[in-house]
């Protein structure tokens, strides 16, 4: 029985990893298949095929994928930076001085307690009046609105893990409150800052509903562009997978480069003493 448990454990691990990785592998494999291989019912064509760049050529020739990727990068990164600039001081204020007696923090979190479509309707009519429809700034501000509460709440927990005595000692040495935040506190919670930024960035990059509602052509993101391959007559599996493979690479790269901080951030404060 003791020898059976490790075997069952690793079988379960392999199955779970396979379930997570298989969709991504299927996308990348299909992106390099010819149309005939994709539509073939032969089991042999599932893995054994002649690689081709036909789908990528179609995407770059007949779609606006480059502009959509650029739009996603500009909007996602700008919104993430804006969220972090405001969430850091807000979370620090809530953690150290209980600003608003807890009520203001609850109000901030309440923006995530109702369907986003309700806020989208109000923003839609406002954006029409002030000419922010189909603009980078309009979508960036909407992403900021929906991510600021999440980022503030997440960073609030990280700030609470830092002992106030460290800040008091730094202030005795002549540091101002801003210097304490910049040189003492933030370096200590850098893993938390990193994981919060990654979560916000991934949400911004993958968001679909608001991008559909508030963009048309000029500011259309890659998430919306991927839906264009789904037609009324057929689904362009090859080009769609080619575009999707390019769309997932930035978030995979961000998670890969930040994995050290992400692991530390997820376990931050789990062990004390």
Protein backbone atom coordinates (compact mmCIF):
# COMPACT_ATOMS: atom_id res chain seq x y z
CA UNK A 1 0.00 0.00 0.00
CA UNK A 2 2.87 2.38 0.82
CA UNK A 3 4.44 1.84 -2.60
CA UNK A 4 1.09 2.30 -4.33
CA UNK A 5 0.42 5.78 -2.90
CA UNK A 6 3.40 7.52 -4.60
CA UNK A 7 2.44 5.90 -7.91
CA UNK A 8 -1.16 7.08 -7.64
CA UNK A 9 0.06 10.54 -6.62
CA UNK A 10 2.29 10.91 -9.69
CA UNK A 11 -0.42 9.54 -11.96
CA UNK A 12 -2.78 12.21 -10.61
CA UNK A 13 -0.11 14.91 -11.07
CA UNK A 14 0.52 13.86 -14.69
CA UNK A 15 -3.22 13.86 -15.45
CA UNK A 16 -3.72 17.33 -13.96
CA UNK A 17 -0.70 18.76 -15.80
CA UNK A 18 -1.88 17.15 -19.04
CA UNK A 19 -5.36 18.67 -18.66
CA UNK A 20 -3.82 22.14 -18.29
CA UNK A 21 -1.18 21.80 -21.00
CA UNK A 22 -3.18 19.90 -23.64
CA UNK A 23 -5.26 22.89 -24.89
CA UNK A 24 -2.10 24.98 -25.36
CA UNK A 25 -0.31 22.13 -27.13
CA UNK A 26 -3.33 21.57 -29.37
CA UNK A 27 -3.32 25.26 -30.36
CA UNK A 28 0.38 25.29 -31.24
CA UNK A 29 0.24 21.96 -33.11
CA UNK A 30 -2.85 22.97 -35.10
CA UNK A 31 -1.25 26.30 -36.02
CA UNK A 32 1.39 24.43 -38.05
CA UNK A 33 -1.00 22.05 -39.82
CA UNK A 34 -2.34 22.33 -43.33
CA UNK A 35 -6.08 22.76 -43.73
CA UNK A 36 -6.43 19.21 -45.06
CA UNK A 37 -4.60 17.80 -42.02
CA UNK A 38 -6.75 19.79 -39.61
CA UNK A 39 -10.01 18.55 -41.14
CA UNK A 40 -8.77 14.98 -41.60
CA UNK A 41 -10.55 12.27 -39.58
CA UNK A 42 -7.48 10.03 -39.68
CA UNK A 43 -5.92 9.39 -36.29
CA UNK A 44 -2.49 9.38 -37.90
CA UNK A 45 -2.86 13.04 -38.92
CA UNK A 46 -3.36 13.98 -35.28
CA UNK A 47 0.38 13.84 -34.56
CA UNK A 48 2.07 12.96 -37.83
CA UNK A 49 1.84 15.73 -40.40
CA UNK A 50 4.00 17.99 -42.52
CA UNK A 51 4.54 21.32 -40.70
CA UNK A 52 3.45 24.37 -42.65
CA UNK A 53 3.37 28.14 -42.15
CA UNK A 54 0.24 28.47 -44.28
CA UNK A 55 -1.94 29.57 -41.35
CA UNK A 56 0.55 32.21 -40.24
CA UNK A 57 0.82 33.56 -43.78
CA UNK A 58 -2.96 33.82 -43.93
CA UNK A 59 -3.08 35.66 -40.59
CA UNK A 60 -0.44 38.23 -41.56
CA UNK A 61 -1.87 38.72 -45.05
CA UNK A 62 -5.62 38.89 -44.51
CA UNK A 63 -6.06 40.01 -40.89
CA UNK A 64 -5.02 42.92 -38.69
CA UNK A 65 -3.38 40.72 -36.05
CA UNK A 66 -0.28 42.92 -35.75
CA UNK A 67 -2.35 46.00 -34.94
CA UNK A 68 -4.52 44.02 -32.52
CA UNK A 69 -1.46 42.66 -30.70
CA UNK A 70 -0.06 46.19 -30.49
CA UNK A 71 -3.39 47.50 -29.16
CA UNK A 72 -3.51 44.77 -26.52
CA UNK A 73 0.06 45.51 -25.46
CA UNK A 74 -0.49 49.28 -25.22
CA UNK A 75 -3.81 49.04 -23.38
CA UNK A 76 -2.87 46.17 -21.06
CA UNK A 77 0.51 47.51 -19.99
CA UNK A 78 -0.76 51.10 -19.59
CA UNK A 79 -3.76 49.99 -17.53
CA UNK A 80 -1.56 47.76 -15.37
CA UNK A 81 0.90 50.57 -14.65
CA UNK A 82 -1.96 52.95 -13.85
CA UNK A 83 -3.58 50.41 -11.51
CA UNK A 84 -0.34 49.76 -9.63
CA UNK A 85 0.45 53.47 -9.27
CA UNK A 86 -2.83 54.07 -7.44
CA UNK A 87 -3.30 50.68 -5.75
CA UNK A 88 0.04 50.75 -3.91
CA UNK A 89 -0.54 53.98 -1.91
CA UNK A 90 -4.23 53.12 -1.43
CA UNK A 91 -3.46 49.66 -0.02
CA UNK A 92 -0.69 51.09 2.18
CA UNK A 93 -3.10 53.67 3.55
CA UNK A 94 -5.73 51.03 4.36
CA UNK A 95 -3.16 48.71 5.97
CA UNK A 96 -1.39 51.30 8.13
CA UNK A 97 -4.08 53.84 9.07
CA UNK A 98 -7.32 51.95 8.41
CA UNK A 99 -8.42 54.87 6.21
CA UNK A 100 -12.18 55.25 6.26
CA UNK A 101 -12.56 52.93 9.23
CA UNK A 102 -12.88 49.93 6.94
CA UNK A 103 -15.90 51.38 5.14
CA UNK A 104 -13.90 52.90 2.29
CA UNK A 105 -12.12 49.59 1.67
CA UNK A 106 -15.50 47.86 1.49
CA UNK A 107 -16.79 50.44 -0.96
CA UNK A 108 -13.68 49.89 -3.08
CA UNK A 109 -14.24 46.13 -3.10
CA UNK A 110 -17.94 46.52 -3.87
CA UNK A 111 -17.09 47.46 -7.45
CA UNK A 112 -16.32 43.75 -8.01
CA UNK A 113 -19.51 42.52 -6.33
CA UNK A 114 -21.90 43.08 -9.22
CA UNK A 115 -21.91 42.02 -12.88
CA UNK A 116 -19.52 44.11 -14.92
CA UNK A 117 -22.13 44.52 -17.61
CA UNK A 118 -24.11 46.86 -15.33
CA UNK A 119 -21.20 49.29 -15.16
CA UNK A 120 -20.51 48.75 -18.86
CA UNK A 121 -23.95 50.09 -19.80
CA UNK A 122 -23.38 53.33 -17.91
CA UNK A 123 -19.87 53.70 -19.32
CA UNK A 124 -21.19 53.02 -22.83
CA UNK A 125 -23.48 56.05 -22.84
CA UNK A 126 -20.86 58.26 -21.17
CA UNK A 127 -18.19 57.20 -23.65
CA UNK A 128 -20.48 58.00 -26.57
CA UNK A 129 -20.95 61.56 -25.30
CA UNK A 130 -17.27 62.27 -24.66
CA UNK A 131 -15.90 60.44 -27.75
CA UNK A 132 -14.02 57.69 -25.94
CA UNK A 133 -15.54 54.80 -27.88
CA UNK A 134 -13.02 52.73 -29.81
CA UNK A 135 -10.06 54.49 -28.20
CA UNK A 136 -7.07 53.16 -26.25
CA UNK A 137 -7.73 55.58 -23.41
CA UNK A 138 -11.37 54.56 -23.04
CA UNK A 139 -10.63 50.84 -22.70
CA UNK A 140 -7.62 51.54 -20.48
CA UNK A 141 -9.77 53.56 -18.05
CA UNK A 142 -12.38 50.79 -17.95
CA UNK A 143 -9.73 48.18 -17.17
CA UNK A 144 -8.43 50.49 -14.46
CA UNK A 145 -11.91 50.77 -12.94
CA UNK A 146 -12.36 47.01 -12.67
CA UNK A 147 -8.84 46.14 -11.52
CA UNK A 148 -8.11 48.85 -8.96
CA UNK A 149 -10.26 47.20 -6.27
CA UNK A 150 -8.74 43.75 -6.84
CA UNK A 151 -5.17 45.08 -6.81
CA UNK A 152 -5.80 47.22 -3.71
CA UNK A 153 -7.28 44.31 -1.77
CA UNK A 154 -4.46 41.95 -2.77
CA UNK A 155 -1.73 44.45 -1.90
CA UNK A 156 -3.52 45.30 1.37
CA UNK A 157 -2.87 41.74 2.57
CA UNK A 158 0.82 41.97 1.69
CA UNK A 159 1.25 45.32 3.47
CA UNK A 160 -0.36 43.87 6.60
CA UNK A 161 2.41 41.26 6.76
CA UNK A 162 5.11 43.94 7.20
CA UNK A 163 5.84 44.81 10.84
CA UNK A 164 5.21 48.51 11.59
CA UNK A 165 8.33 48.49 13.77
CA UNK A 166 10.51 48.33 10.64
CA UNK A 167 8.98 51.56 9.37
CA UNK A 168 9.30 53.24 12.75
CA UNK A 169 13.00 52.34 12.89
CA UNK A 170 13.53 53.77 9.42
CA UNK A 171 11.75 57.02 10.36
CA UNK A 172 13.95 57.34 13.45
CA UNK A 173 16.93 57.17 11.08
CA UNK A 174 15.54 60.19 9.23
CA UNK A 175 13.48 58.60 6.45
CA UNK A 176 10.30 60.38 5.40
CA UNK A 177 7.05 58.43 5.06
CA UNK A 178 7.48 58.35 1.27
CA UNK A 179 11.08 57.12 1.62
CA UNK A 180 9.93 54.40 4.01
CA UNK A 181 7.36 53.23 1.48
CA UNK A 182 9.76 53.40 -1.47
CA UNK A 183 12.98 52.09 0.12
CA UNK A 184 11.78 49.78 2.89
CA UNK A 185 8.24 48.51 2.45
CA UNK A 186 7.92 48.02 -1.31
CA UNK A 187 11.23 46.08 -1.62
CA UNK A 188 9.96 43.75 1.11
CA UNK A 189 6.65 43.09 -0.64
CA UNK A 190 8.13 42.99 -4.15
CA UNK A 191 6.87 39.41 -4.68
CA UNK A 192 3.37 40.61 -3.82
CA UNK A 193 3.69 43.56 -6.17
CA UNK A 194 4.87 41.24 -8.94
CA UNK A 195 2.05 38.72 -8.56
CA UNK A 196 -0.54 41.51 -8.40
CA UNK A 197 0.84 43.11 -11.56
CA UNK A 198 0.85 39.76 -13.38
CA UNK A 199 -2.77 39.03 -12.41
CA UNK A 200 -3.89 42.47 -13.57
CA UNK A 201 -1.90 42.23 -16.79
CA UNK A 202 -3.33 38.80 -17.65
CA UNK A 203 -6.87 40.01 -16.99
CA UNK A 204 -6.35 43.05 -19.20
CA UNK A 205 -4.80 41.01 -21.99
CA UNK A 206 -7.48 38.31 -22.05
CA UNK A 207 -10.56 40.46 -21.37
CA UNK A 208 -13.18 40.01 -24.10
CA UNK A 209 -16.60 41.39 -23.14
CA UNK A 210 -15.62 45.02 -22.51
CA UNK A 211 -13.29 45.00 -25.50
CA UNK A 212 -16.20 43.98 -27.73
CA UNK A 213 -18.47 46.66 -26.30
CA UNK A 214 -16.03 49.58 -26.36
CA UNK A 215 -13.90 48.90 -29.44
CA UNK A 216 -14.63 48.45 -33.12
CA UNK A 217 -11.56 48.84 -35.34
CA UNK A 218 -8.96 51.34 -34.10
CA UNK A 219 -8.55 49.97 -30.56
CA UNK A 220 -9.69 46.38 -31.13
CA UNK A 221 -7.67 43.95 -29.02
CA UNK A 222 -6.37 40.53 -29.95
CA UNK A 223 -9.02 38.83 -27.79
CA UNK A 224 -11.71 40.33 -30.02
CA UNK A 225 -9.69 39.65 -33.15
CA UNK A 226 -9.62 35.92 -32.38
CA UNK A 227 -13.42 35.83 -32.49
CA UNK A 228 -13.34 37.05 -36.10
CA UNK A 229 -12.21 33.60 -37.28
CA UNK A 230 -15.53 32.12 -36.18
CA UNK A 231 -17.77 32.68 -39.20
CA UNK A 232 -21.36 31.74 -40.04
CA UNK A 233 -20.20 29.26 -42.69
CA UNK A 234 -17.01 27.79 -41.25
CA UNK A 235 -14.42 28.09 -38.50
CA UNK A 236 -10.94 28.92 -39.72
CA UNK A 237 -9.18 26.56 -37.33
CA UNK A 238 -5.68 26.99 -38.74
CA UNK A 239 -5.53 30.80 -38.83
CA UNK A 240 -7.38 31.01 -35.51
CA UNK A 241 -4.85 28.73 -33.80
CA UNK A 242 -1.96 30.61 -35.43
CA UNK A 243 -3.30 33.90 -34.08
CA UNK A 244 -4.07 32.32 -30.69
CA UNK A 245 -0.53 30.93 -30.43
CA UNK A 246 0.83 34.45 -30.89
CA UNK A 247 -1.73 35.86 -28.45
CA UNK A 248 -0.80 33.53 -25.59
CA UNK A 249 2.97 33.98 -25.93
CA UNK A 250 3.17 37.38 -24.15
CA UNK A 251 1.29 36.16 -21.07
CA UNK A 252 3.27 32.91 -21.01
CA UNK A 253 6.49 34.91 -21.26
CA UNK A 254 5.39 37.26 -18.46
CA UNK A 255 4.53 34.33 -16.19
CA UNK A 256 7.82 32.61 -17.04
CA UNK A 257 10.01 35.62 -16.26
CA UNK A 258 8.05 36.45 -13.10
CA UNK A 259 7.63 32.88 -11.82
CA UNK A 260 10.22 33.34 -9.06
CA UNK A 261 8.32 36.31 -7.67
CA UNK A 262 4.94 34.66 -8.26
CA UNK A 263 5.84 31.61 -6.16
CA UNK A 264 7.21 33.83 -3.39
CA UNK A 265 4.14 36.06 -3.60
CA UNK A 266 1.71 33.16 -3.32
CA UNK A 267 3.46 31.91 -0.17
CA UNK A 268 4.19 35.35 1.28
CA UNK A 269 3.28 35.44 4.97
CA UNK A 270 2.38 31.73 5.06
CA UNK A 271 5.15 30.99 7.60
CA UNK A 272 5.84 33.18 10.58
CA UNK A 273 8.20 33.02 13.51
